[in-house]
């Protein structure tokens, strides 16, 4: 599961629960029917990452402006904001 989370392109969460028998014996008593546990991927959505969306926006903007560099695009944008 850890490998799959690491290799997922985007945000991943791995939740690990462990009962502390020293202080809270029986904490997971209500979850007895889940023993020995449920493992696997419960929810996964494949969609473009923030970086992929930004790169798409940059590519579209560059094509509209005649292929100028990213630096020039930023320069023009900052000039327009003055």
C-alpha atoms as a PDB file:
ATOM      1  CA  UNK A   1       0.000   0.000   0.000  1.00  0.00           C
ATOM      2  CA  UNK A   2       2.834   2.390   0.789  1.00  0.00           C
ATOM      3  CA  UNK A   3       4.437   1.770  -2.589  1.00  0.00           C
ATOM      4  CA  UNK A   4       1.153   2.412  -4.375  1.00  0.00           C
ATOM      5  CA  UNK A   5       0.663   5.654  -2.432  1.00  0.00           C
ATOM      6  CA  UNK A   6       4.198   6.800  -3.243  1.00  0.00           C
ATOM      7  CA  UNK A   7       3.850   6.008  -6.940  1.00  0.00           C
ATOM      8  CA  UNK A   8       0.431   7.733  -7.247  1.00  0.00           C
ATOM      9  CA  UNK A   9       0.784  10.971  -9.209  1.00  0.00           C
ATOM     10  CA  UNK A  10      -0.778  13.444  -6.794  1.00  0.00           C
ATOM     11  CA  UNK A  11      -1.906  13.414  -3.161  1.00  0.00           C
ATOM     12  CA  UNK A  12      -2.085  10.148  -1.193  1.00  0.00           C
ATOM     13  CA  UNK A  13      -3.047   9.201   2.356  1.00  0.00           C
ATOM     14  CA  UNK A  14      -2.167   5.947   4.118  1.00  0.00           C
ATOM     15  CA  UNK A  15      -3.873   5.432   7.467  1.00  0.00           C
ATOM     16  CA  UNK A  16      -2.443   2.942   9.960  1.00  0.00           C
ATOM     17  CA  UNK A  17      -4.289   2.157  13.197  1.00  0.00           C
ATOM     18  CA  UNK A  18      -2.798   0.324  16.126  1.00  0.00           C
ATOM     19  CA  UNK A  19      -4.382  -0.337  19.488  1.00  0.00           C
ATOM     20  CA  UNK A  20      -2.354   0.811  22.473  1.00  0.00           C
ATOM     21  CA  UNK A  21      -3.010  -1.990  24.991  1.00  0.00           C
ATOM     22  CA  UNK A  22      -0.993  -0.195  27.674  1.00  0.00           C
ATOM     23  CA  UNK A  23      -3.429   2.703  28.060  1.00  0.00           C
ATOM     24  CA  UNK A  24      -6.575   2.003  26.038  1.00  0.00           C
ATOM     25  CA  UNK A  25      -7.233  -1.732  26.097  1.00  0.00           C
ATOM     26  CA  UNK A  26     -10.287  -2.557  24.007  1.00  0.00           C
ATOM     27  CA  UNK A  27     -10.259   0.655  22.024  1.00  0.00           C
ATOM     28  CA  UNK A  28     -11.028  -1.230  18.825  1.00  0.00           C
ATOM     29  CA  UNK A  29     -13.510  -3.576  20.519  1.00  0.00           C
ATOM     30  CA  UNK A  30     -16.337  -2.186  18.372  1.00  0.00           C
ATOM     31  CA  UNK A  31     -14.410  -3.114  15.244  1.00  0.00           C
ATOM     32  CA  UNK A  32     -14.073  -6.795  16.087  1.00  0.00           C
ATOM     33  CA  UNK A  33     -16.029  -7.772  13.002  1.00  0.00           C
ATOM     34  CA  UNK A  34     -13.287  -6.199  10.851  1.00  0.00           C
ATOM     35  CA  UNK A  35     -10.617  -8.577  12.148  1.00  0.00           C
ATOM     36  CA  UNK A  36      -8.080  -9.312  10.886  1.00  0.00           C
ATOM     37  CA  UNK A  37      -8.598  -5.974   9.198  1.00  0.00           C
ATOM     38  CA  UNK A  38      -9.548  -4.515   5.865  1.00  0.00           C
ATOM     39  CA  UNK A  39      -6.699  -3.592   3.631  1.00  0.00           C
ATOM     40  CA  UNK A  40      -6.629  -2.006   0.238  1.00  0.00           C
ATOM     41  CA  UNK A  41      -7.464   1.125  -1.679  1.00  0.00           C
ATOM     42  CA  UNK A  42     -10.839   2.479  -0.609  1.00  0.00           C
ATOM     43  CA  UNK A  43     -10.994   5.559  -2.831  1.00  0.00           C
ATOM     44  CA  UNK A  44      -8.983   6.628  -5.856  1.00  0.00           C
ATOM     45  CA  UNK A  45      -9.588   9.366  -8.390  1.00  0.00           C
ATOM     46  CA  UNK A  46      -7.352   9.814 -11.396  1.00  0.00           C
ATOM     47  CA  UNK A  47      -7.367  13.414 -12.521  1.00  0.00           C
ATOM     48  CA  UNK A  48      -4.725  15.898 -13.676  1.00  0.00           C
ATOM     49  CA  UNK A  49      -2.364  17.171 -10.993  1.00  0.00           C
ATOM     50  CA  UNK A  50      -1.849  20.861 -10.264  1.00  0.00           C
ATOM     51  CA  UNK A  51       1.470  20.759 -12.125  1.00  0.00           C
ATOM     52  CA  UNK A  52      -0.119  19.141 -15.185  1.00  0.00           C
ATOM     53  CA  UNK A  53      -2.918  21.742 -15.250  1.00  0.00           C
ATOM     54  CA  UNK A  54      -0.419  24.586 -14.918  1.00  0.00           C
ATOM     55  CA  UNK A  55       1.727  23.174 -17.725  1.00  0.00           C
ATOM     56  CA  UNK A  56      -1.359  22.899 -19.960  1.00  0.00           C
ATOM     57  CA  UNK A  57      -2.220  26.536 -19.217  1.00  0.00           C
ATOM     58  CA  UNK A  58       1.364  27.617 -19.973  1.00  0.00           C
ATOM     59  CA  UNK A  59       1.416  25.670 -23.253  1.00  0.00           C
ATOM     60  CA  UNK A  60      -1.940  27.118 -24.368  1.00  0.00           C
ATOM     61  CA  UNK A  61      -0.840  30.649 -23.497  1.00  0.00           C
ATOM     62  CA  UNK A  62       2.469  30.243 -25.309  1.00  0.00           C
ATOM     63  CA  UNK A  63       0.714  28.993 -28.436  1.00  0.00           C
ATOM     64  CA  UNK A  64      -1.716  31.958 -28.362  1.00  0.00           C
ATOM     65  CA  UNK A  65       1.142  34.439 -27.962  1.00  0.00           C
ATOM     66  CA  UNK A  66       3.327  32.994 -30.693  1.00  0.00           C
ATOM     67  CA  UNK A  67       5.579  30.707 -28.693  1.00  0.00           C
ATOM     68  CA  UNK A  68       7.240  33.297 -26.429  1.00  0.00           C
ATOM     69  CA  UNK A  69       9.053  32.132 -23.292  1.00  0.00           C
ATOM     70  CA  UNK A  70       7.465  31.736 -19.873  1.00  0.00           C
ATOM     71  CA  UNK A  71       9.614  34.595 -18.628  1.00  0.00           C
ATOM     72  CA  UNK A  72       8.232  36.922 -21.307  1.00  0.00           C
ATOM     73  CA  UNK A  73       4.648  35.892 -20.475  1.00  0.00           C
ATOM     74  CA  UNK A  74       5.201  36.789 -16.814  1.00  0.00           C
ATOM     75  CA  UNK A  75       6.869  40.059 -17.770  1.00  0.00           C
ATOM     76  CA  UNK A  76       3.897  41.061 -19.954  1.00  0.00           C
ATOM     77  CA  UNK A  77       1.440  40.068 -17.216  1.00  0.00           C
ATOM     78  CA  UNK A  78       3.255  42.139 -14.579  1.00  0.00           C
ATOM     79  CA  UNK A  79       3.403  45.112 -16.939  1.00  0.00           C
ATOM     80  CA  UNK A  80      -0.358  44.857 -17.486  1.00  0.00           C
ATOM     81  CA  UNK A  81      -0.942  44.875 -13.713  1.00  0.00           C
ATOM     82  CA  UNK A  82       0.812  48.261 -13.227  1.00  0.00           C
END
